[in-house]
Every structure is written in structure tokens, then in C-alpha cells.
Amino acid sequence: MSTPSQPAEPVYRRIMRAIEADIASGELKPGDRVPSTAQLVEQYQCSAPTVRQALARLQERGVLQGHQGRGVYVNQAPD
């Protein structure tokens, strides 16, 4: 008897979890630049809008901070 399979996790959520894990492990520190959209597209073999969705969600949660024309950075830890 087979069990119902779990729906696949959306790629944008996998990207979010990976970035959060890099922050938690110290691989990405406050003020560090997150890999570019192009780098993340290549790494996750997905579309640019998918990467932008992941980055936007992390920015909404205050994890990342975007700077127009300069990239996306890990938000500074609160004082």
C-alpha cells in the first residue's frame, strides 16, 4: 500500500531555507552580500523571478536588505 506523497517544496522556499541556514551557520554574516540573482539561478537551476521571490520574502521578514544597484545583504543584527 502506498502513502500519498508530499507535494514538492517550492524552489523559492528551498532557496530561502538555504540562505537562512548559511546565516545560522555563520557562513553569511550581518553585512555580507548574498550571491547575485544570476549565481542563485545557476545554483538552483531555476528562473530569476523564483530567486527574486525568495529574496523578497526574506527582505519582508527583515533577514535581508536590498540596496538598489548594489545587491542584497544580510541585515545587520539589532543593537
N, C-alpha and C. Protein backbone atom coordinates (compact mmCIF):
# COMPACT_ATOMS: atom_id res chain seq x y z
N MET A 1 0.85 -1.19 0.00
CA MET A 1 0.00 0.00 0.00
C MET A 1 0.89 1.24 0.00
N SER A 2 0.62 2.14 -0.89
CA SER A 2 1.45 3.35 -0.96
C SER A 2 0.80 4.47 -0.17
N THR A 3 1.64 5.36 0.31
CA THR A 3 1.15 6.52 1.04
C THR A 3 1.16 7.71 0.11
N PRO A 4 0.27 8.66 0.35
CA PRO A 4 0.26 9.84 -0.51
C PRO A 4 1.60 10.57 -0.39
N SER A 5 2.12 10.95 -1.52
CA SER A 5 3.41 11.66 -1.48
C SER A 5 3.19 13.12 -1.08
N GLN A 6 4.20 13.65 -0.45
CA GLN A 6 4.17 15.05 -0.05
C GLN A 6 4.36 15.91 -1.29
N PRO A 7 3.66 17.02 -1.39
CA PRO A 7 3.90 17.90 -2.53
C PRO A 7 5.33 18.43 -2.46
N ALA A 8 5.93 18.59 -3.61
CA ALA A 8 7.31 19.10 -3.67
C ALA A 8 7.37 20.51 -3.08
N GLU A 9 8.44 20.77 -2.36
CA GLU A 9 8.63 22.10 -1.78
C GLU A 9 8.95 23.07 -2.90
N PRO A 10 8.30 24.24 -2.93
CA PRO A 10 8.60 25.22 -3.96
C PRO A 10 10.09 25.61 -3.92
N VAL A 11 10.64 25.84 -5.08
CA VAL A 11 12.06 26.17 -5.18
C VAL A 11 12.39 27.44 -4.38
N TYR A 12 11.51 28.43 -4.42
CA TYR A 12 11.82 29.67 -3.70
C TYR A 12 11.97 29.40 -2.21
N ARG A 13 11.22 28.45 -1.67
CA ARG A 13 11.35 28.11 -0.25
C ARG A 13 12.67 27.40 0.03
N ARG A 14 13.11 26.55 -0.91
CA ARG A 14 14.41 25.89 -0.75
C ARG A 14 15.52 26.92 -0.72
N ILE A 15 15.42 27.93 -1.58
CA ILE A 15 16.42 29.00 -1.61
C ILE A 15 16.40 29.76 -0.30
N MET A 16 15.22 30.08 0.19
CA MET A 16 15.10 30.79 1.46
C MET A 16 15.74 29.99 2.59
N ARG A 17 15.42 28.70 2.67
CA ARG A 17 15.97 27.86 3.73
C ARG A 17 17.49 27.79 3.64
N ALA A 18 18.02 27.70 2.43
CA ALA A 18 19.47 27.62 2.25
C ALA A 18 20.15 28.90 2.71
N ILE A 19 19.59 30.04 2.36
CA ILE A 19 20.17 31.32 2.79
C ILE A 19 20.09 31.46 4.30
N GLU A 20 18.95 31.11 4.87
CA GLU A 20 18.81 31.16 6.33
C GLU A 20 19.79 30.22 7.02
N ALA A 21 20.01 29.05 6.44
CA ALA A 21 20.97 28.10 7.02
C ALA A 21 22.39 28.66 6.95
N ASP A 22 22.72 29.33 5.84
CA ASP A 22 24.05 29.95 5.71
C ASP A 22 24.24 31.05 6.75
N ILE A 23 23.18 31.77 7.05
CA ILE A 23 23.25 32.81 8.08
C ILE A 23 23.40 32.17 9.46
N ALA A 24 22.60 31.16 9.73
CA ALA A 24 22.64 30.49 11.03
C ALA A 24 24.00 29.84 11.29
N SER A 25 24.63 29.33 10.24
CA SER A 25 25.92 28.65 10.41
C SER A 25 27.08 29.63 10.49
N GLY A 26 26.82 30.89 10.15
CA GLY A 26 27.89 31.89 10.16
C GLY A 26 28.60 32.02 8.83
N GLU A 27 28.19 31.23 7.84
CA GLU A 27 28.79 31.35 6.51
C GLU A 27 28.49 32.72 5.91
N LEU A 28 27.28 33.21 6.17
CA LEU A 28 26.89 34.58 5.82
C LEU A 28 26.69 35.33 7.11
N LYS A 29 27.39 36.44 7.26
CA LYS A 29 27.32 37.24 8.48
C LYS A 29 26.60 38.56 8.19
N PRO A 30 26.11 39.25 9.23
CA PRO A 30 25.48 40.55 9.01
C PRO A 30 26.40 41.46 8.19
N GLY A 31 25.83 42.06 7.17
CA GLY A 31 26.58 42.95 6.29
C GLY A 31 27.15 42.26 5.07
N ASP A 32 27.17 40.90 5.05
CA ASP A 32 27.69 40.18 3.88
C ASP A 32 26.71 40.27 2.73
N ARG A 33 27.27 40.30 1.54
CA ARG A 33 26.43 40.30 0.33
C ARG A 33 26.00 38.88 0.01
N VAL A 34 24.74 38.73 -0.31
CA VAL A 34 24.17 37.45 -0.72
C VAL A 34 24.58 37.22 -2.18
N PRO A 35 24.78 35.97 -2.59
CA PRO A 35 25.10 35.73 -4.00
C PRO A 35 24.08 36.42 -4.91
N SER A 36 24.55 36.79 -6.09
CA SER A 36 23.71 37.52 -7.03
C SER A 36 22.56 36.64 -7.53
N THR A 37 21.56 37.29 -8.10
CA THR A 37 20.45 36.55 -8.69
C THR A 37 20.96 35.56 -9.72
N ALA A 38 21.89 35.99 -10.58
CA ALA A 38 22.43 35.11 -11.62
C ALA A 38 23.12 33.89 -11.00
N GLN A 39 23.87 34.10 -9.92
CA GLN A 39 24.54 32.98 -9.26
C GLN A 39 23.53 32.01 -8.66
N LEU A 40 22.49 32.55 -8.04
CA LEU A 40 21.47 31.69 -7.44
C LEU A 40 20.65 30.96 -8.50
N VAL A 41 20.39 31.62 -9.62
CA VAL A 41 19.69 30.97 -10.74
C VAL A 41 20.50 29.75 -11.20
N GLU A 42 21.79 29.94 -11.36
CA GLU A 42 22.65 28.84 -11.80
C GLU A 42 22.72 27.74 -10.74
N GLN A 43 22.87 28.12 -9.49
CA GLN A 43 23.00 27.15 -8.41
C GLN A 43 21.75 26.29 -8.26
N TYR A 44 20.57 26.91 -8.36
CA TYR A 44 19.32 26.20 -8.13
C TYR A 44 18.60 25.80 -9.41
N GLN A 45 19.20 26.13 -10.57
CA GLN A 45 18.61 25.77 -11.86
C GLN A 45 17.13 26.17 -11.92
N CYS A 46 16.90 27.46 -11.65
CA CYS A 46 15.54 27.98 -11.65
C CYS A 46 15.53 29.32 -12.37
N SER A 47 14.39 29.96 -12.39
CA SER A 47 14.25 31.24 -13.08
C SER A 47 14.61 32.40 -12.15
N ALA A 48 14.95 33.52 -12.76
CA ALA A 48 15.25 34.73 -11.99
C ALA A 48 14.06 35.19 -11.14
N PRO A 49 12.82 35.14 -11.66
CA PRO A 49 11.70 35.53 -10.80
C PRO A 49 11.57 34.65 -9.55
N THR A 50 11.92 33.38 -9.64
CA THR A 50 11.87 32.50 -8.48
C THR A 50 12.88 32.95 -7.43
N VAL A 51 14.09 33.29 -7.87
CA VAL A 51 15.12 33.78 -6.95
C VAL A 51 14.67 35.10 -6.34
N ARG A 52 14.14 35.99 -7.17
CA ARG A 52 13.69 37.29 -6.65
C ARG A 52 12.57 37.12 -5.62
N GLN A 53 11.71 36.13 -5.83
CA GLN A 53 10.64 35.87 -4.87
C GLN A 53 11.23 35.45 -3.52
N ALA A 54 12.21 34.58 -3.54
CA ALA A 54 12.86 34.14 -2.30
C ALA A 54 13.52 35.31 -1.59
N LEU A 55 14.26 36.11 -2.34
CA LEU A 55 14.95 37.26 -1.74
C LEU A 55 13.95 38.28 -1.19
N ALA A 56 12.87 38.50 -1.93
CA ALA A 56 11.85 39.45 -1.47
C ALA A 56 11.19 38.98 -0.17
N ARG A 57 10.91 37.70 -0.08
CA ARG A 57 10.30 37.17 1.15
C ARG A 57 11.24 37.34 2.34
N LEU A 58 12.52 37.10 2.12
CA LEU A 58 13.50 37.26 3.21
C LEU A 58 13.66 38.74 3.58
N GLN A 59 13.52 39.63 2.60
CA GLN A 59 13.57 41.06 2.90
C GLN A 59 12.34 41.47 3.70
N GLU A 60 11.18 40.95 3.33
CA GLU A 60 9.94 41.26 4.06
C GLU A 60 10.05 40.82 5.52
N ARG A 61 10.75 39.73 5.76
CA ARG A 61 10.91 39.22 7.13
C ARG A 61 12.05 39.89 7.87
N GLY A 62 12.78 40.79 7.20
CA GLY A 62 13.85 41.52 7.86
C GLY A 62 15.17 40.78 7.92
N VAL A 63 15.28 39.66 7.22
CA VAL A 63 16.50 38.87 7.22
C VAL A 63 17.54 39.50 6.30
N LEU A 64 17.07 39.99 5.15
CA LEU A 64 17.95 40.60 4.15
C LEU A 64 17.53 42.03 3.92
N GLN A 65 18.46 42.79 3.34
CA GLN A 65 18.18 44.17 2.99
C GLN A 65 18.73 44.42 1.59
N GLY A 66 17.86 44.90 0.69
CA GLY A 66 18.28 45.18 -0.68
C GLY A 66 18.72 46.61 -0.83
N HIS A 67 19.73 46.81 -1.67
CA HIS A 67 20.23 48.14 -1.99
C HIS A 67 20.24 48.27 -3.50
N GLN A 68 19.40 49.14 -4.02
CA GLN A 68 19.25 49.32 -5.47
C GLN A 68 20.61 49.47 -6.15
N GLY A 69 20.89 48.58 -7.09
CA GLY A 69 22.11 48.67 -7.88
C GLY A 69 23.36 48.14 -7.19
N ARG A 70 23.24 47.75 -5.91
CA ARG A 70 24.42 47.27 -5.19
C ARG A 70 24.28 45.84 -4.72
N GLY A 71 23.08 45.31 -4.67
CA GLY A 71 22.89 43.92 -4.26
C GLY A 71 22.04 43.78 -3.02
N VAL A 72 22.01 42.56 -2.54
CA VAL A 72 21.22 42.21 -1.36
C VAL A 72 22.18 41.74 -0.29
N TYR A 73 21.97 42.22 0.93
CA TYR A 73 22.89 41.97 2.03
C TYR A 73 22.16 41.39 3.23
N VAL A 74 22.90 40.63 4.02
CA VAL A 74 22.35 40.13 5.29
C VAL A 74 22.14 41.34 6.19
N ASN A 75 20.95 41.42 6.75
CA ASN A 75 20.62 42.56 7.60
C ASN A 75 21.51 42.57 8.84
N GLN A 76 21.87 43.76 9.27
CA GLN A 76 22.66 43.91 10.48
C GLN A 76 21.85 43.43 11.68
N ALA A 77 22.52 42.79 12.61
CA ALA A 77 21.85 42.35 13.84
C ALA A 77 21.40 43.58 14.62
N PRO A 78 20.22 43.50 15.25
CA PRO A 78 19.77 44.65 16.04
C PRO A 78 20.71 44.89 17.21
N ASP A 79 20.85 46.16 17.59
CA ASP A 79 21.73 46.52 18.72
C ASP A 79 21.16 46.08 20.04
